[in-house]
Amino acid sequence: MAFGRKPQSMNQLLKEFMRKMPHQTELKRGMVLHLWPSVVGERMNEVIKDVRFEGNKLIVKVENEAWRHEIHMNRFSIAKKLNDRVDSKVVKEIIVRA
């Protein structure tokens, strides 16, 4: 029996479901925090003390100034990778503190 709708991929159905969720932003932020280690890599992740959101800013605390500088210099590419992975612009800015 044909119901007049084309079959959709699971990926498309999940995207549609995510758009309709009332707490979509919070879910995407949680996904970003989960993906952080895989995006920055194991070595950089080892020096991170804390990663959390304050509004749309991702606050990253590191062990020392050298790593603060390293992450600060790469903050735009890290934010882009994270946003690309969650298909959203949930990370507007990364602030790095030592």
N, C-alpha and C. Protein backbone atom coordinates (compact mmCIF):
# COMPACT_ATOMS: atom_id res chain seq x y z
N MET A 1 0.83 -1.18 0.00
CA MET A 1 0.00 0.00 0.00
C MET A 1 0.87 1.24 0.00
N ALA A 2 0.56 2.16 -0.86
CA ALA A 2 1.28 3.42 -0.91
C ALA A 2 0.51 4.47 -0.14
N PHE A 3 1.21 5.20 0.69
CA PHE A 3 0.59 6.25 1.49
C PHE A 3 0.94 7.64 0.98
N GLY A 4 1.61 7.74 -0.14
CA GLY A 4 1.91 9.03 -0.73
C GLY A 4 3.17 9.69 -0.19
N ARG A 5 3.88 9.06 0.70
CA ARG A 5 5.12 9.63 1.22
C ARG A 5 6.29 8.77 0.79
N LYS A 6 7.37 9.43 0.42
CA LYS A 6 8.58 8.70 0.08
C LYS A 6 9.25 8.22 1.36
N PRO A 7 9.89 7.08 1.30
CA PRO A 7 10.65 6.62 2.47
C PRO A 7 11.79 7.61 2.76
N GLN A 8 12.05 7.83 4.04
CA GLN A 8 13.13 8.73 4.43
C GLN A 8 14.23 7.94 5.13
N SER A 9 15.43 8.46 5.01
CA SER A 9 16.55 7.79 5.68
C SER A 9 16.44 8.01 7.19
N MET A 10 17.06 7.15 7.94
CA MET A 10 17.06 7.28 9.40
C MET A 10 17.71 8.59 9.80
N ASN A 11 18.77 8.99 9.10
CA ASN A 11 19.45 10.26 9.38
C ASN A 11 18.49 11.43 9.23
N GLN A 12 17.70 11.44 8.16
CA GLN A 12 16.74 12.51 7.92
C GLN A 12 15.64 12.50 8.99
N LEU A 13 15.17 11.34 9.36
CA LEU A 13 14.15 11.24 10.39
C LEU A 13 14.66 11.75 11.74
N LEU A 14 15.91 11.42 12.08
CA LEU A 14 16.50 11.90 13.33
C LEU A 14 16.65 13.42 13.32
N LYS A 15 17.07 13.99 12.20
CA LYS A 15 17.20 15.45 12.10
C LYS A 15 15.84 16.12 12.29
N GLU A 16 14.81 15.55 11.68
CA GLU A 16 13.46 16.09 11.81
C GLU A 16 12.99 15.99 13.26
N PHE A 17 13.26 14.88 13.90
CA PHE A 17 12.90 14.69 15.31
C PHE A 17 13.61 15.70 16.19
N MET A 18 14.92 15.93 15.94
CA MET A 18 15.71 16.87 16.73
C MET A 18 15.18 18.30 16.59
N ARG A 19 14.75 18.68 15.39
CA ARG A 19 14.22 20.03 15.17
C ARG A 19 12.95 20.27 15.98
N LYS A 20 12.19 19.23 16.22
CA LYS A 20 10.92 19.36 16.92
C LYS A 20 11.04 19.26 18.44
N MET A 21 12.21 18.88 18.93
CA MET A 21 12.41 18.73 20.37
C MET A 21 12.41 20.10 21.06
N PRO A 22 11.74 20.25 22.19
CA PRO A 22 11.69 21.54 22.87
C PRO A 22 13.02 21.95 23.52
N HIS A 23 13.84 21.01 23.92
CA HIS A 23 15.10 21.33 24.59
C HIS A 23 16.29 20.99 23.69
N GLN A 24 16.16 21.31 22.44
CA GLN A 24 17.16 20.99 21.44
C GLN A 24 18.53 21.58 21.78
N THR A 25 18.59 22.84 22.21
CA THR A 25 19.86 23.49 22.51
C THR A 25 20.60 22.78 23.62
N GLU A 26 19.89 22.42 24.69
CA GLU A 26 20.53 21.73 25.81
C GLU A 26 21.06 20.37 25.37
N LEU A 27 20.31 19.69 24.54
CA LEU A 27 20.76 18.39 24.03
C LEU A 27 22.03 18.56 23.19
N LYS A 28 22.05 19.56 22.32
CA LYS A 28 23.23 19.80 21.47
C LYS A 28 24.44 20.17 22.33
N ARG A 29 24.22 20.95 23.39
CA ARG A 29 25.33 21.29 24.29
C ARG A 29 25.89 20.04 24.95
N GLY A 30 25.01 19.15 25.38
CA GLY A 30 25.46 17.88 25.95
C GLY A 30 26.24 17.06 24.96
N MET A 31 25.81 17.08 23.70
CA MET A 31 26.53 16.36 22.65
C MET A 31 27.92 16.96 22.45
N VAL A 32 28.02 18.29 22.49
CA VAL A 32 29.31 18.97 22.34
C VAL A 32 30.26 18.54 23.45
N LEU A 33 29.77 18.54 24.69
CA LEU A 33 30.62 18.14 25.82
C LEU A 33 31.08 16.69 25.68
N HIS A 34 30.21 15.85 25.17
CA HIS A 34 30.56 14.44 24.94
C HIS A 34 31.60 14.30 23.82
N LEU A 35 31.49 15.12 22.79
CA LEU A 35 32.38 15.03 21.63
C LEU A 35 33.72 15.74 21.84
N TRP A 36 33.80 16.60 22.84
CA TRP A 36 35.01 17.40 23.08
C TRP A 36 36.30 16.57 23.00
N PRO A 37 36.44 15.46 23.75
CA PRO A 37 37.69 14.69 23.70
C PRO A 37 38.06 14.20 22.30
N SER A 38 37.09 13.75 21.54
CA SER A 38 37.41 13.23 20.21
C SER A 38 37.76 14.34 19.24
N VAL A 39 37.27 15.55 19.46
CA VAL A 39 37.57 16.67 18.57
C VAL A 39 38.95 17.26 18.86
N VAL A 40 39.30 17.43 20.15
CA VAL A 40 40.59 18.05 20.49
C VAL A 40 41.72 17.05 20.57
N GLY A 41 41.41 15.80 20.71
CA GLY A 41 42.44 14.77 20.79
C GLY A 41 42.81 14.44 22.23
N GLU A 42 43.36 13.26 22.40
CA GLU A 42 43.68 12.73 23.73
C GLU A 42 44.70 13.58 24.47
N ARG A 43 45.75 14.00 23.78
CA ARG A 43 46.82 14.77 24.44
C ARG A 43 46.31 16.09 25.00
N MET A 44 45.56 16.83 24.20
CA MET A 44 45.02 18.11 24.65
C MET A 44 43.96 17.89 25.73
N ASN A 45 43.14 16.87 25.58
CA ASN A 45 42.08 16.60 26.55
C ASN A 45 42.65 16.29 27.93
N GLU A 46 43.85 15.71 27.99
CA GLU A 46 44.47 15.36 29.27
C GLU A 46 44.80 16.57 30.12
N VAL A 47 45.00 17.74 29.51
CA VAL A 47 45.36 18.94 30.29
C VAL A 47 44.14 19.80 30.63
N ILE A 48 42.96 19.36 30.22
CA ILE A 48 41.73 20.11 30.48
C ILE A 48 41.23 19.74 31.88
N LYS A 49 40.99 20.77 32.70
CA LYS A 49 40.43 20.55 34.04
C LYS A 49 38.91 20.54 34.00
N ASP A 50 38.33 21.39 33.15
CA ASP A 50 36.88 21.53 33.13
C ASP A 50 36.44 22.10 31.78
N VAL A 51 35.33 21.62 31.29
CA VAL A 51 34.69 22.15 30.08
C VAL A 51 33.21 22.27 30.40
N ARG A 52 32.67 23.49 30.25
CA ARG A 52 31.26 23.69 30.54
C ARG A 52 30.72 24.87 29.74
N PHE A 53 29.43 24.91 29.62
CA PHE A 53 28.77 26.01 28.94
C PHE A 53 28.34 27.08 29.93
N GLU A 54 28.51 28.33 29.54
CA GLU A 54 27.90 29.47 30.21
C GLU A 54 27.15 30.19 29.10
N GLY A 55 25.86 29.95 29.02
CA GLY A 55 25.09 30.46 27.90
C GLY A 55 25.54 29.78 26.62
N ASN A 56 25.90 30.58 25.62
CA ASN A 56 26.38 29.99 24.36
C ASN A 56 27.91 29.99 24.26
N LYS A 57 28.57 30.28 25.38
CA LYS A 57 30.04 30.27 25.43
C LYS A 57 30.52 28.97 26.07
N LEU A 58 31.51 28.36 25.46
CA LEU A 58 32.12 27.16 26.00
C LEU A 58 33.34 27.59 26.80
N ILE A 59 33.32 27.34 28.10
CA ILE A 59 34.41 27.73 28.99
C ILE A 59 35.30 26.51 29.21
N VAL A 60 36.60 26.71 28.94
CA VAL A 60 37.58 25.62 29.04
C VAL A 60 38.65 26.03 30.05
N LYS A 61 38.84 25.22 31.09
CA LYS A 61 39.89 25.48 32.07
C LYS A 61 41.02 24.48 31.82
N VAL A 62 42.25 25.01 31.77
CA VAL A 62 43.42 24.17 31.50
C VAL A 62 44.41 24.25 32.65
N GLU A 63 45.41 23.36 32.62
CA GLU A 63 46.39 23.27 33.70
C GLU A 63 47.42 24.39 33.70
N ASN A 64 47.80 24.90 32.51
CA ASN A 64 48.86 25.91 32.49
C ASN A 64 48.69 26.88 31.33
N GLU A 65 49.49 27.94 31.37
CA GLU A 65 49.42 29.01 30.38
C GLU A 65 49.77 28.54 28.96
N ALA A 66 50.72 27.63 28.86
CA ALA A 66 51.12 27.16 27.53
C ALA A 66 49.95 26.49 26.82
N TRP A 67 49.22 25.65 27.54
CA TRP A 67 48.05 24.99 26.95
C TRP A 67 46.91 25.98 26.74
N ARG A 68 46.78 26.97 27.62
CA ARG A 68 45.76 27.99 27.43
C ARG A 68 45.99 28.70 26.10
N HIS A 69 47.25 29.05 25.86
CA HIS A 69 47.60 29.73 24.60
C HIS A 69 47.33 28.83 23.39
N GLU A 70 47.72 27.58 23.49
CA GLU A 70 47.53 26.62 22.39
C GLU A 70 46.05 26.48 22.02
N ILE A 71 45.21 26.29 23.02
CA ILE A 71 43.78 26.13 22.76
C ILE A 71 43.18 27.44 22.28
N HIS A 72 43.61 28.55 22.89
CA HIS A 72 43.11 29.87 22.47
C HIS A 72 43.40 30.11 20.99
N MET A 73 44.58 29.76 20.54
CA MET A 73 44.96 29.96 19.14
C MET A 73 44.12 29.09 18.19
N ASN A 74 43.64 27.98 18.68
CA ASN A 74 42.86 27.04 17.85
C ASN A 74 41.37 27.08 18.14
N ARG A 75 40.90 28.05 18.91
CA ARG A 75 39.51 28.05 19.38
C ARG A 75 38.49 28.13 18.25
N PHE A 76 38.80 28.87 17.19
CA PHE A 76 37.83 28.98 16.10
C PHE A 76 37.68 27.67 15.34
N SER A 77 38.78 26.99 15.08
CA SER A 77 38.69 25.71 14.37
C SER A 77 38.05 24.63 15.25
N ILE A 78 38.33 24.67 16.57
CA ILE A 78 37.69 23.71 17.49
C ILE A 78 36.19 23.95 17.52
N ALA A 79 35.77 25.21 17.63
CA ALA A 79 34.34 25.53 17.66
C ALA A 79 33.66 25.08 16.37
N LYS A 80 34.31 25.32 15.24
CA LYS A 80 33.73 24.91 13.95
C LYS A 80 33.56 23.40 13.89
N LYS A 81 34.58 22.66 14.32
CA LYS A 81 34.50 21.19 14.30
C LYS A 81 33.37 20.70 15.20
N LEU A 82 33.27 21.27 16.40
CA LEU A 82 32.21 20.86 17.32
C LEU A 82 30.83 21.18 16.74
N ASN A 83 30.67 22.38 16.22
CA ASN A 83 29.39 22.77 15.62
C ASN A 83 29.04 21.90 14.43
N ASP A 84 30.03 21.57 13.61
CA ASP A 84 29.80 20.70 12.47
C ASP A 84 29.34 19.31 12.90
N ARG A 85 29.95 18.80 13.97
CA ARG A 85 29.62 17.45 14.44
C ARG A 85 28.19 17.35 14.97
N VAL A 86 27.68 18.46 15.57
CA VAL A 86 26.32 18.43 16.10
C VAL A 86 25.32 19.11 15.17
N ASP A 87 25.81 19.54 14.00
CA ASP A 87 24.96 20.16 12.98
C ASP A 87 24.18 21.35 13.54
N SER A 88 24.91 22.22 14.25
CA SER A 88 24.29 23.39 14.86
C SER A 88 25.38 24.38 15.23
N LYS A 89 25.01 25.64 15.44
CA LYS A 89 25.97 26.66 15.86
C LYS A 89 25.81 26.90 17.36
N VAL A 90 25.82 25.84 18.13
CA VAL A 90 25.60 25.91 19.57
C VAL A 90 26.79 26.53 20.30
N VAL A 91 28.01 26.38 19.77
CA VAL A 91 29.19 27.00 20.36
C VAL A 91 29.46 28.30 19.63
N LYS A 92 29.14 29.42 20.28
CA LYS A 92 29.35 30.73 19.65
C LYS A 92 30.77 31.22 19.91
N GLU A 93 31.34 30.84 21.06
CA GLU A 93 32.65 31.33 21.45
C GLU A 93 33.28 30.34 22.43
N ILE A 94 34.60 30.21 22.35
CA ILE A 94 35.34 29.40 23.32
C ILE A 94 36.23 30.34 24.13
N ILE A 95 36.09 30.28 25.44
CA ILE A 95 36.91 31.08 26.34
C ILE A 95 37.80 30.12 27.11
N VAL A 96 39.11 30.37 27.06
CA VAL A 96 40.07 29.47 27.69
C VAL A 96 40.68 30.16 28.90
N ARG A 97 40.67 29.47 30.03
CA ARG A 97 41.23 30.01 31.27
C ARG A 97 42.24 29.03 31.85
N ALA A 98 43.29 29.60 32.46
CA ALA A 98 44.30 28.76 33.11
C ALA A 98 44.09 28.76 34.61
